Amino acid sequence: MKIVADVNVIVSATIAPLGASRAIIMAWREGRIELVTSDGIIAEVEEKLRFPRIGGKYHLADEDIRTALATLRTQAQVVAVPLQSIRSVTGDPEDDYVLGTATEGKVDYLVTGDKGLLELGQHRGVAILSPRQFVDRILASSTSPG
């Protein structure tokens, strides 16, 4: 099962030791799901983690940020997102880029906390779920016996 985790999911998993976003990243690290990302998502994750209101508030050291980014670059599938594959769907270029990443990565799910993306429900065959929905509906059912 392949997913794109939106920037907000990755940032949340990086700063919070518990919660649905962390469960998703742990499932990826355990090999239960495949994570697909792109250079643009990784760059935005770095930008958000370096914001004083995030990195400073959660006491992220530069080494913590470098480790998170290196893990994404080396252990996730990083896909190219050509400009022609980015369609204006949401009116927000960052959200449209995330949709382009999901399309180019041929993923099953886009996991996001973004209300605009969640309102779409799906895009070009990719189901769009919140972290909690993904954990409750997908991860829970994929780990249950039988």
N, C-alpha and C. Protein backbone atom coordinates (compact mmCIF):
# COMPACT_ATOMS: atom_id res chain seq x y z
N MET A 1 0.85 -1.17 0.00
CA MET A 1 0.00 0.00 0.00
C MET A 1 0.90 1.24 0.00
N LYS A 2 0.64 2.14 -0.93
CA LYS A 2 1.46 3.34 -1.07
C LYS A 2 0.65 4.57 -0.67
N ILE A 3 1.31 5.46 0.07
CA ILE A 3 0.66 6.70 0.49
C ILE A 3 1.58 7.90 0.26
N VAL A 4 0.95 9.06 0.13
CA VAL A 4 1.65 10.33 0.27
C VAL A 4 1.18 10.91 1.60
N ALA A 5 2.11 11.26 2.45
CA ALA A 5 1.80 11.96 3.70
C ALA A 5 2.06 13.44 3.43
N ASP A 6 1.04 14.25 3.62
CA ASP A 6 1.17 15.69 3.40
C ASP A 6 2.16 16.27 4.42
N VAL A 7 2.62 17.47 4.14
CA VAL A 7 3.59 18.15 4.98
C VAL A 7 3.12 18.19 6.44
N ASN A 8 1.86 18.52 6.66
CA ASN A 8 1.35 18.65 8.03
C ASN A 8 1.42 17.33 8.79
N VAL A 9 1.30 16.21 8.10
CA VAL A 9 1.38 14.90 8.74
C VAL A 9 2.82 14.61 9.15
N ILE A 10 3.76 14.89 8.25
CA ILE A 10 5.17 14.63 8.54
C ILE A 10 5.66 15.53 9.67
N VAL A 11 5.28 16.80 9.63
CA VAL A 11 5.69 17.73 10.69
C VAL A 11 5.12 17.28 12.03
N SER A 12 3.85 16.94 12.04
CA SER A 12 3.21 16.49 13.28
C SER A 12 3.89 15.24 13.83
N ALA A 13 4.22 14.30 12.95
CA ALA A 13 4.89 13.06 13.39
C ALA A 13 6.28 13.35 13.93
N THR A 14 6.92 14.38 13.42
CA THR A 14 8.27 14.74 13.85
C THR A 14 8.27 15.37 15.23
N ILE A 15 7.26 16.17 15.53
CA ILE A 15 7.25 16.92 16.78
C ILE A 15 6.46 16.24 17.89
N ALA A 16 5.55 15.32 17.55
CA ALA A 16 4.69 14.72 18.57
C ALA A 16 5.02 13.23 18.74
N PRO A 17 5.26 12.81 19.97
CA PRO A 17 5.63 11.41 20.19
C PRO A 17 4.47 10.43 20.06
N LEU A 18 3.25 10.94 20.07
CA LEU A 18 2.05 10.10 19.98
C LEU A 18 1.12 10.66 18.91
N GLY A 19 0.05 9.93 18.63
CA GLY A 19 -0.97 10.42 17.72
C GLY A 19 -0.98 9.67 16.40
N ALA A 20 -2.00 9.97 15.60
CA ALA A 20 -2.21 9.27 14.34
C ALA A 20 -1.08 9.51 13.35
N SER A 21 -0.59 10.74 13.27
CA SER A 21 0.50 11.03 12.33
C SER A 21 1.74 10.21 12.68
N ARG A 22 2.06 10.13 13.95
CA ARG A 22 3.22 9.33 14.39
C ARG A 22 2.98 7.86 14.07
N ALA A 23 1.75 7.36 14.26
CA ALA A 23 1.45 5.95 13.97
C ALA A 23 1.67 5.65 12.49
N ILE A 24 1.34 6.59 11.63
CA ILE A 24 1.53 6.40 10.19
C ILE A 24 3.01 6.32 9.86
N ILE A 25 3.80 7.23 10.40
CA ILE A 25 5.23 7.22 10.12
C ILE A 25 5.88 5.96 10.71
N MET A 26 5.43 5.52 11.87
CA MET A 26 5.96 4.28 12.45
C MET A 26 5.60 3.07 11.56
N ALA A 27 4.39 3.05 11.02
CA ALA A 27 3.99 1.97 10.11
C ALA A 27 4.89 1.95 8.88
N TRP A 28 5.25 3.12 8.40
CA TRP A 28 6.18 3.21 7.26
C TRP A 28 7.56 2.67 7.66
N ARG A 29 8.06 3.11 8.79
CA ARG A 29 9.38 2.66 9.23
C ARG A 29 9.42 1.16 9.50
N GLU A 30 8.26 0.59 9.86
CA GLU A 30 8.16 -0.86 10.09
C GLU A 30 7.94 -1.63 8.79
N GLY A 31 7.80 -0.92 7.67
CA GLY A 31 7.61 -1.58 6.39
C GLY A 31 6.19 -2.02 6.09
N ARG A 32 5.23 -1.53 6.86
CA ARG A 32 3.83 -1.91 6.64
C ARG A 32 3.17 -1.11 5.53
N ILE A 33 3.70 0.07 5.23
CA ILE A 33 3.22 0.89 4.12
C ILE A 33 4.43 1.49 3.41
N GLU A 34 4.21 1.91 2.17
CA GLU A 34 5.25 2.60 1.41
C GLU A 34 4.93 4.09 1.42
N LEU A 35 5.92 4.90 1.71
CA LEU A 35 5.75 6.35 1.71
C LEU A 35 6.33 6.91 0.43
N VAL A 36 5.53 7.70 -0.26
CA VAL A 36 5.96 8.38 -1.48
C VAL A 36 5.98 9.87 -1.16
N THR A 37 7.03 10.53 -1.60
CA THR A 37 7.15 11.97 -1.38
C THR A 37 7.81 12.60 -2.59
N SER A 38 8.11 13.87 -2.49
CA SER A 38 8.74 14.60 -3.59
C SER A 38 9.67 15.66 -3.02
N ASP A 39 10.53 16.19 -3.86
CA ASP A 39 11.46 17.22 -3.40
C ASP A 39 10.71 18.43 -2.84
N GLY A 40 9.59 18.79 -3.45
CA GLY A 40 8.82 19.93 -2.97
C GLY A 40 8.24 19.72 -1.58
N ILE A 41 7.75 18.52 -1.32
CA ILE A 41 7.22 18.21 0.01
C ILE A 41 8.35 18.22 1.03
N ILE A 42 9.48 17.62 0.68
CA ILE A 42 10.62 17.60 1.61
C ILE A 42 11.09 19.02 1.92
N ALA A 43 11.15 19.87 0.90
CA ALA A 43 11.57 21.26 1.11
C ALA A 43 10.58 22.00 2.02
N GLU A 44 9.29 21.74 1.84
CA GLU A 44 8.31 22.41 2.67
C GLU A 44 8.36 21.88 4.11
N VAL A 45 8.62 20.59 4.28
CA VAL A 45 8.78 20.04 5.63
C VAL A 45 9.94 20.75 6.32
N GLU A 46 11.05 20.90 5.62
CA GLU A 46 12.21 21.57 6.21
C GLU A 46 11.85 23.00 6.61
N GLU A 47 11.18 23.70 5.71
CA GLU A 47 10.80 25.09 6.00
C GLU A 47 9.94 25.17 7.27
N LYS A 48 8.94 24.29 7.36
CA LYS A 48 8.04 24.32 8.52
C LYS A 48 8.78 23.95 9.81
N LEU A 49 9.65 22.93 9.75
CA LEU A 49 10.37 22.52 10.96
C LEU A 49 11.33 23.59 11.45
N ARG A 50 11.78 24.46 10.54
CA ARG A 50 12.71 25.53 10.92
C ARG A 50 11.99 26.80 11.39
N PHE A 51 10.66 26.86 11.24
CA PHE A 51 9.92 28.00 11.78
C PHE A 51 10.14 28.05 13.28
N PRO A 52 10.45 29.22 13.84
CA PRO A 52 10.64 29.32 15.30
C PRO A 52 9.42 28.82 16.08
N ARG A 53 8.22 29.05 15.57
CA ARG A 53 7.03 28.62 16.32
C ARG A 53 6.86 27.11 16.30
N ILE A 54 7.59 26.41 15.45
CA ILE A 54 7.55 24.95 15.44
C ILE A 54 8.85 24.39 16.00
N GLY A 55 9.94 24.61 15.28
CA GLY A 55 11.24 24.08 15.71
C GLY A 55 11.66 24.58 17.07
N GLY A 56 11.44 25.88 17.31
CA GLY A 56 11.81 26.45 18.60
C GLY A 56 10.91 25.98 19.72
N LYS A 57 9.63 25.96 19.46
CA LYS A 57 8.68 25.55 20.50
C LYS A 57 8.89 24.10 20.91
N TYR A 58 9.22 23.25 19.95
CA TYR A 58 9.38 21.82 20.25
C TYR A 58 10.84 21.42 20.43
N HIS A 59 11.72 22.42 20.53
CA HIS A 59 13.14 22.20 20.81
C HIS A 59 13.80 21.23 19.82
N LEU A 60 13.52 21.45 18.53
CA LEU A 60 14.14 20.61 17.51
C LEU A 60 15.55 21.12 17.24
N ALA A 61 16.51 20.27 17.44
CA ALA A 61 17.89 20.61 17.11
C ALA A 61 18.08 20.49 15.61
N ASP A 62 19.08 21.20 15.10
CA ASP A 62 19.38 21.12 13.67
C ASP A 62 19.60 19.67 13.25
N GLU A 63 20.23 18.89 14.12
CA GLU A 63 20.48 17.47 13.83
C GLU A 63 19.17 16.69 13.69
N ASP A 64 18.16 17.00 14.51
CA ASP A 64 16.86 16.34 14.42
C ASP A 64 16.22 16.60 13.05
N ILE A 65 16.31 17.84 12.61
CA ILE A 65 15.73 18.22 11.32
C ILE A 65 16.48 17.54 10.19
N ARG A 66 17.80 17.57 10.23
CA ARG A 66 18.61 16.91 9.20
C ARG A 66 18.31 15.42 9.12
N THR A 67 18.16 14.78 10.27
CA THR A 67 17.86 13.35 10.31
C THR A 67 16.50 13.06 9.69
N ALA A 68 15.50 13.84 10.04
CA ALA A 68 14.16 13.65 9.47
C ALA A 68 14.18 13.79 7.95
N LEU A 69 14.87 14.82 7.47
CA LEU A 69 14.94 15.05 6.02
C LEU A 69 15.72 13.95 5.30
N ALA A 70 16.83 13.54 5.90
CA ALA A 70 17.64 12.48 5.30
C ALA A 70 16.86 11.17 5.24
N THR A 71 16.07 10.90 6.27
CA THR A 71 15.25 9.69 6.27
C THR A 71 14.24 9.73 5.13
N LEU A 72 13.60 10.87 4.93
CA LEU A 72 12.66 11.01 3.82
C LEU A 72 13.35 10.80 2.48
N ARG A 73 14.51 11.44 2.32
CA ARG A 73 15.21 11.37 1.03
C ARG A 73 15.73 9.96 0.71
N THR A 74 16.11 9.21 1.73
CA THR A 74 16.76 7.93 1.48
C THR A 74 15.85 6.72 1.65
N GLN A 75 14.78 6.85 2.44
CA GLN A 75 13.96 5.68 2.71
C GLN A 75 12.57 5.74 2.08
N ALA A 76 12.12 6.93 1.72
CA ALA A 76 10.83 7.05 1.02
C ALA A 76 11.10 7.00 -0.48
N GLN A 77 10.07 6.74 -1.24
CA GLN A 77 10.18 6.82 -2.70
C GLN A 77 9.98 8.29 -3.07
N VAL A 78 11.00 8.92 -3.61
CA VAL A 78 10.92 10.32 -4.01
C VAL A 78 10.62 10.38 -5.50
N VAL A 79 9.46 10.95 -5.84
CA VAL A 79 9.06 11.04 -7.24
C VAL A 79 9.24 12.46 -7.76
N ALA A 80 9.51 12.56 -9.04
CA ALA A 80 9.57 13.86 -9.71
C ALA A 80 8.14 14.30 -10.01
N VAL A 81 7.90 15.59 -9.85
CA VAL A 81 6.57 16.14 -10.13
C VAL A 81 6.74 17.22 -11.20
N PRO A 82 6.65 16.84 -12.48
CA PRO A 82 6.80 17.82 -13.55
C PRO A 82 5.68 18.87 -13.50
N LEU A 83 6.01 20.08 -13.90
CA LEU A 83 5.02 21.16 -13.86
C LEU A 83 3.74 20.79 -14.59
N GLN A 84 3.85 20.08 -15.71
CA GLN A 84 2.66 19.75 -16.49
C GLN A 84 1.73 18.76 -15.78
N SER A 85 2.23 18.10 -14.74
CA SER A 85 1.37 17.16 -14.00
C SER A 85 0.64 17.84 -12.84
N ILE A 86 0.96 19.11 -12.59
CA ILE A 86 0.29 19.85 -11.51
C ILE A 86 -0.90 20.59 -12.11
N ARG A 87 -2.08 20.19 -11.70
CA ARG A 87 -3.31 20.81 -12.20
C ARG A 87 -3.89 21.72 -11.12
N SER A 88 -4.50 22.79 -11.56
CA SER A 88 -5.15 23.70 -10.61
C SER A 88 -6.49 23.09 -10.20
N VAL A 89 -6.51 22.52 -9.02
CA VAL A 89 -7.70 21.83 -8.52
C VAL A 89 -8.25 22.56 -7.31
N THR A 90 -7.38 22.96 -6.40
CA THR A 90 -7.82 23.51 -5.11
C THR A 90 -7.75 25.03 -5.05
N GLY A 91 -6.99 25.64 -5.93
CA GLY A 91 -6.75 27.07 -5.84
C GLY A 91 -5.54 27.39 -4.97
N ASP A 92 -4.95 26.37 -4.34
CA ASP A 92 -3.76 26.54 -3.52
C ASP A 92 -2.62 25.77 -4.20
N PRO A 93 -1.59 26.49 -4.69
CA PRO A 93 -0.51 25.80 -5.41
C PRO A 93 0.19 24.71 -4.60
N GLU A 94 0.33 24.90 -3.28
CA GLU A 94 0.96 23.87 -2.46
C GLU A 94 0.11 22.61 -2.41
N ASP A 95 -1.21 22.78 -2.26
CA ASP A 95 -2.11 21.62 -2.24
C ASP A 95 -2.12 20.93 -3.61
N ASP A 96 -2.12 21.72 -4.67
CA ASP A 96 -2.11 21.14 -6.02
C ASP A 96 -0.82 20.36 -6.26
N TYR A 97 0.29 20.82 -5.70
CA TYR A 97 1.57 20.11 -5.81
C TYR A 97 1.49 18.77 -5.08
N VAL A 98 0.87 18.75 -3.90
CA VAL A 98 0.71 17.51 -3.15
C VAL A 98 -0.15 16.53 -3.95
N LEU A 99 -1.22 17.03 -4.58
CA LEU A 99 -2.04 16.17 -5.44
C LEU A 99 -1.22 15.63 -6.61
N GLY A 100 -0.36 16.48 -7.17
CA GLY A 100 0.53 16.04 -8.25
C GLY A 100 1.49 14.96 -7.79
N THR A 101 1.99 15.08 -6.57
CA THR A 101 2.87 14.05 -6.01
C THR A 101 2.12 12.73 -5.89
N ALA A 102 0.88 12.78 -5.41
CA ALA A 102 0.08 11.57 -5.26
C ALA A 102 -0.18 10.92 -6.62
N THR A 103 -0.47 11.75 -7.62
CA THR A 103 -0.73 11.24 -8.97
C THR A 103 0.52 10.62 -9.57
N GLU A 104 1.63 11.34 -9.50
CA GLU A 104 2.89 10.85 -10.07
C GLU A 104 3.38 9.60 -9.34
N GLY A 105 3.11 9.52 -8.05
CA GLY A 105 3.55 8.38 -7.25
C GLY A 105 2.64 7.17 -7.36
N LYS A 106 1.50 7.36 -8.05
CA LYS A 106 0.53 6.27 -8.21
C LYS A 106 0.20 5.61 -6.86
N VAL A 107 -0.18 6.46 -5.91
CA VAL A 107 -0.44 5.98 -4.55
C VAL A 107 -1.91 5.61 -4.38
N ASP A 108 -2.16 4.90 -3.30
CA ASP A 108 -3.53 4.51 -2.95
C ASP A 108 -4.22 5.58 -2.12
N TYR A 109 -3.42 6.26 -1.25
CA TYR A 109 -3.98 7.23 -0.31
C TYR A 109 -3.11 8.47 -0.22
N LEU A 110 -3.79 9.60 -0.05
CA LEU A 110 -3.15 10.85 0.34
C LEU A 110 -3.65 11.11 1.76
N VAL A 111 -2.72 11.22 2.71
CA VAL A 111 -3.09 11.44 4.10
C VAL A 111 -2.73 12.88 4.45
N THR A 112 -3.72 13.62 4.92
CA THR A 112 -3.53 15.05 5.16
C THR A 112 -4.46 15.55 6.26
N GLY A 113 -4.04 16.63 6.88
CA GLY A 113 -4.90 17.34 7.81
C GLY A 113 -5.50 18.58 7.18
N ASP A 114 -5.20 18.82 5.91
CA ASP A 114 -5.65 20.01 5.20
C ASP A 114 -7.13 19.88 4.83
N LYS A 115 -7.95 20.80 5.35
CA LYS A 115 -9.40 20.73 5.12
C LYS A 115 -9.77 20.83 3.65
N GLY A 116 -9.07 21.67 2.91
CA GLY A 116 -9.37 21.81 1.48
C GLY A 116 -9.16 20.51 0.72
N LEU A 117 -8.07 19.81 1.04
CA LEU A 117 -7.81 18.52 0.39
C LEU A 117 -8.80 17.46 0.88
N LEU A 118 -9.08 17.45 2.17
CA LEU A 118 -10.01 16.47 2.71
C LEU A 118 -11.40 16.60 2.10
N GLU A 119 -11.81 17.83 1.81
CA GLU A 119 -13.13 18.05 1.20
C GLU A 119 -13.25 17.40 -0.17
N LEU A 120 -12.12 17.23 -0.86
CA LEU A 120 -12.17 16.56 -2.17
C LEU A 120 -12.57 15.09 -2.02
N GLY A 121 -12.15 14.45 -0.95
CA GLY A 121 -12.49 13.05 -0.73
C GLY A 121 -11.65 12.08 -1.54
N GLN A 122 -11.41 12.41 -2.78
CA GLN A 122 -10.54 11.62 -3.66
C GLN A 122 -10.15 12.50 -4.85
N HIS A 123 -9.06 12.09 -5.49
CA HIS A 123 -8.59 12.82 -6.67
C HIS A 123 -7.90 11.83 -7.58
N ARG A 124 -8.41 11.70 -8.78
CA ARG A 124 -7.83 10.83 -9.80
C ARG A 124 -7.53 9.42 -9.25
N GLY A 125 -8.50 8.88 -8.53
CA GLY A 125 -8.37 7.52 -8.02
C GLY A 125 -7.64 7.39 -6.70
N VAL A 126 -7.18 8.50 -6.14
CA VAL A 126 -6.46 8.48 -4.86
C VAL A 126 -7.43 8.91 -3.75
N ALA A 127 -7.65 8.05 -2.78
CA ALA A 127 -8.51 8.40 -1.64
C ALA A 127 -7.76 9.38 -0.74
N ILE A 128 -8.46 10.40 -0.27
CA ILE A 128 -7.86 11.41 0.61
C ILE A 128 -8.47 11.27 1.99
N LEU A 129 -7.62 10.95 2.96
CA LEU A 129 -8.08 10.71 4.33
C LEU A 129 -7.27 11.53 5.32
N SER A 130 -7.89 11.80 6.47
CA SER A 130 -7.16 12.43 7.57
C SER A 130 -6.27 11.37 8.20
N PRO A 131 -5.26 11.78 8.98
CA PRO A 131 -4.44 10.78 9.66
C PRO A 131 -5.28 9.83 10.52
N ARG A 132 -6.24 10.35 11.27
CA ARG A 132 -7.07 9.50 12.13
C ARG A 132 -7.88 8.51 11.29
N GLN A 133 -8.48 8.99 10.18
CA GLN A 133 -9.24 8.09 9.31
C GLN A 133 -8.34 6.99 8.76
N PHE A 134 -7.13 7.36 8.34
CA PHE A 134 -6.22 6.37 7.78
C PHE A 134 -5.85 5.32 8.82
N VAL A 135 -5.53 5.76 10.03
CA VAL A 135 -5.17 4.81 11.09
C VAL A 135 -6.35 3.91 11.43
N ASP A 136 -7.53 4.50 11.61
CA ASP A 136 -8.70 3.71 12.03
C ASP A 136 -9.20 2.78 10.93
N ARG A 137 -9.27 3.25 9.70
CA ARG A 137 -9.85 2.47 8.62
C ARG A 137 -8.87 1.55 7.92
N ILE A 138 -7.64 2.01 7.74
CA ILE A 138 -6.69 1.27 6.90
C ILE A 138 -5.67 0.53 7.74
N LEU A 139 -4.93 1.23 8.58
CA LEU A 139 -3.91 0.55 9.37
C LEU A 139 -4.51 -0.47 10.33
N ALA A 140 -5.60 -0.12 10.98
CA ALA A 140 -6.21 -1.04 11.94
C ALA A 140 -6.68 -2.31 11.24
N SER A 141 -7.27 -2.17 10.06
CA SER A 141 -7.77 -3.35 9.35
C SER A 141 -6.63 -4.17 8.73
N SER A 142 -5.51 -3.53 8.42
CA SER A 142 -4.40 -4.28 7.80
C SER A 142 -3.57 -5.03 8.84
N THR A 143 -3.78 -4.73 10.12
CA THR A 143 -3.02 -5.42 11.16
C THR A 143 -3.86 -6.38 11.96
N SER A 144 -5.16 -6.39 11.72
CA SER A 144 -6.00 -7.31 12.48
C SER A 144 -5.85 -8.73 11.94
N PRO A 145 -5.95 -9.72 12.81
CA PRO A 145 -5.76 -11.11 12.38
C PRO A 145 -6.89 -11.57 11.46
N GLY A 146 -6.52 -12.49 10.60
CA GLY A 146 -7.54 -13.14 9.80
C GLY A 146 -7.68 -12.61 8.48
